């Protein structure tokens, strides 16, 4: 089971989109998301055709957050300099998890870590 860590604390379950097809589809077609989705190898996203607003954290190669924003459906972001991946979640989740510029958001498969939920 993969989890999302924010500054070494488990904050959510995490899906990883690391192949061309899963990166292209992202959250399209869903009505919501529980947890988060890490999309690798990208520095911009869109919500065209999506049904709900999302929070997006742009992270660099070391998983340090370089930008956080909320996107309503049918919007696009510009390319974010320094970003190599994005983490998407339901709108409002990032604030609840304490995510801000400079936070470290990274995947973990360690089962021994505790959750803040």
Protein backbone atom coordinates (compact mmCIF):
# COMPACT_ATOMS: atom_id res chain seq x y z
CA UNK A 1 0.00 0.00 0.00
CA UNK A 2 1.41 3.36 -0.98
CA UNK A 3 0.86 6.41 1.19
CA UNK A 4 1.58 10.10 0.82
CA UNK A 5 3.95 11.64 3.33
CA UNK A 6 4.03 15.35 4.08
CA UNK A 7 7.21 16.22 5.94
CA UNK A 8 7.53 12.55 6.96
CA UNK A 9 3.95 12.22 8.31
CA UNK A 10 1.42 9.99 6.57
CA UNK A 11 -1.44 12.16 5.33
CA UNK A 12 -3.29 10.05 2.75
CA UNK A 13 -3.46 6.96 0.59
CA UNK A 14 -1.63 7.55 -2.69
CA UNK A 15 -2.14 6.36 -6.24
CA UNK A 16 0.75 6.76 -8.66
CA UNK A 17 0.34 7.57 -12.35
CA UNK A 18 3.75 6.77 -13.78
CA UNK A 19 2.93 5.45 -17.24
CA UNK A 20 1.86 7.42 -20.30
CA UNK A 21 -1.75 6.20 -20.16
CA UNK A 22 -2.26 6.71 -16.42
CA UNK A 23 -0.61 10.16 -16.58
CA UNK A 24 -2.86 11.17 -19.49
CA UNK A 25 -6.05 10.00 -17.76
CA UNK A 26 -5.24 11.28 -14.26
CA UNK A 27 -8.52 11.96 -12.42
CA UNK A 28 -10.68 12.27 -15.55
CA UNK A 29 -13.98 10.41 -15.31
CA UNK A 30 -14.04 10.30 -11.52
CA UNK A 31 -16.57 11.99 -9.29
CA UNK A 32 -14.09 12.49 -6.44
CA UNK A 33 -10.82 11.25 -4.99
CA UNK A 34 -10.05 9.81 -1.59
CA UNK A 35 -6.42 10.46 -0.85
CA UNK A 36 -4.11 11.72 -3.58
CA UNK A 37 -2.71 11.00 -7.02
CA UNK A 38 0.97 11.49 -7.89
CA UNK A 39 1.48 12.19 -11.59
CA UNK A 40 5.11 11.75 -12.55
CA UNK A 41 7.08 13.55 -15.23
CA UNK A 42 4.86 16.61 -15.62
CA UNK A 43 4.94 20.27 -14.66
CA UNK A 44 1.42 21.31 -15.71
CA UNK A 45 -2.09 19.86 -15.50
CA UNK A 46 -5.64 20.59 -16.57
CA UNK A 47 -9.13 19.91 -15.25
CA UNK A 48 -10.89 20.01 -18.62
CA UNK A 49 -13.78 17.56 -18.43
CA UNK A 50 -13.42 17.02 -14.69
CA UNK A 51 -16.40 17.05 -12.35
CA UNK A 52 -14.80 18.51 -9.22
CA UNK A 53 -12.21 21.01 -8.05
CA UNK A 54 -8.76 19.78 -7.06
CA UNK A 55 -5.73 20.94 -5.16
CA UNK A 56 -2.47 20.60 -7.07
CA UNK A 57 0.99 20.58 -5.51
CA UNK A 58 3.84 20.95 -7.98
CA UNK A 59 6.97 19.22 -6.66
CA UNK A 60 10.58 19.11 -7.79
CA UNK A 61 12.78 16.03 -8.26
CA UNK A 62 13.36 15.90 -4.49
CA UNK A 63 9.58 16.06 -3.85
CA UNK A 64 9.81 19.58 -2.38
CA UNK A 65 6.68 21.62 -3.11
CA UNK A 66 7.37 24.58 -5.40
CA UNK A 67 3.74 25.70 -5.87
CA UNK A 68 0.26 24.83 -4.57
CA UNK A 69 -3.01 25.88 -6.17
CA UNK A 70 -6.67 24.94 -6.39
CA UNK A 71 -8.19 24.35 -9.82
CA UNK A 72 -11.89 24.41 -10.60
CA UNK A 73 -13.15 22.19 -13.43
CA UNK A 74 -12.24 23.20 -16.99
CA UNK A 75 -9.06 25.08 -16.11
CA UNK A 76 -5.39 24.69 -17.10
CA UNK A 77 -2.14 25.53 -15.38
CA UNK A 78 0.97 26.98 -16.93
CA UNK A 79 4.18 24.99 -16.81
CA UNK A 80 5.74 25.45 -13.38
CA UNK A 81 9.51 25.98 -13.49
CA UNK A 82 11.35 23.45 -11.36
CA UNK A 83 8.39 21.07 -11.06
CA UNK A 84 8.89 17.49 -12.22
CA UNK A 85 5.78 15.88 -10.72
CA UNK A 86 2.35 16.91 -9.40
CA UNK A 87 0.25 15.64 -6.54
CA UNK A 88 -3.51 16.05 -6.95
CA UNK A 89 -6.17 15.77 -4.25
CA UNK A 90 -9.69 16.98 -3.53
CA UNK A 91 -9.94 20.75 -3.13
CA UNK A 92 -9.11 21.73 0.45
CA UNK A 93 -7.12 18.59 1.25
CA UNK A 94 -3.69 20.18 0.90
CA UNK A 95 -4.49 22.86 3.47
CA UNK A 96 -5.84 20.19 5.81
CA UNK A 97 -2.61 18.24 5.46
CA UNK A 98 -0.48 21.33 6.09
CA UNK A 99 1.02 21.37 2.58
CA UNK A 100 2.69 24.63 1.58
CA UNK A 101 5.61 25.76 -0.58
CA UNK A 102 8.71 24.11 0.87
CA UNK A 103 6.88 21.07 2.26
CA UNK A 104 8.17 17.67 1.18
CA UNK A 105 5.45 15.47 -0.36
CA UNK A 106 6.67 12.00 -1.20
CA UNK A 107 5.37 8.47 -1.63
CA UNK A 108 6.05 5.80 0.95
CA UNK A 109 5.25 2.11 1.03
CA UNK A 110 6.21 1.70 4.68
CA UNK A 111 3.35 0.15 6.68
CA UNK A 112 4.84 1.00 10.06
CA UNK A 113 4.28 4.72 9.73
CA UNK A 114 1.27 6.17 11.54
CA UNK A 115 -1.49 8.28 10.02
CA UNK A 116 -2.62 11.77 11.08
CA UNK A 117 -6.19 11.13 10.02
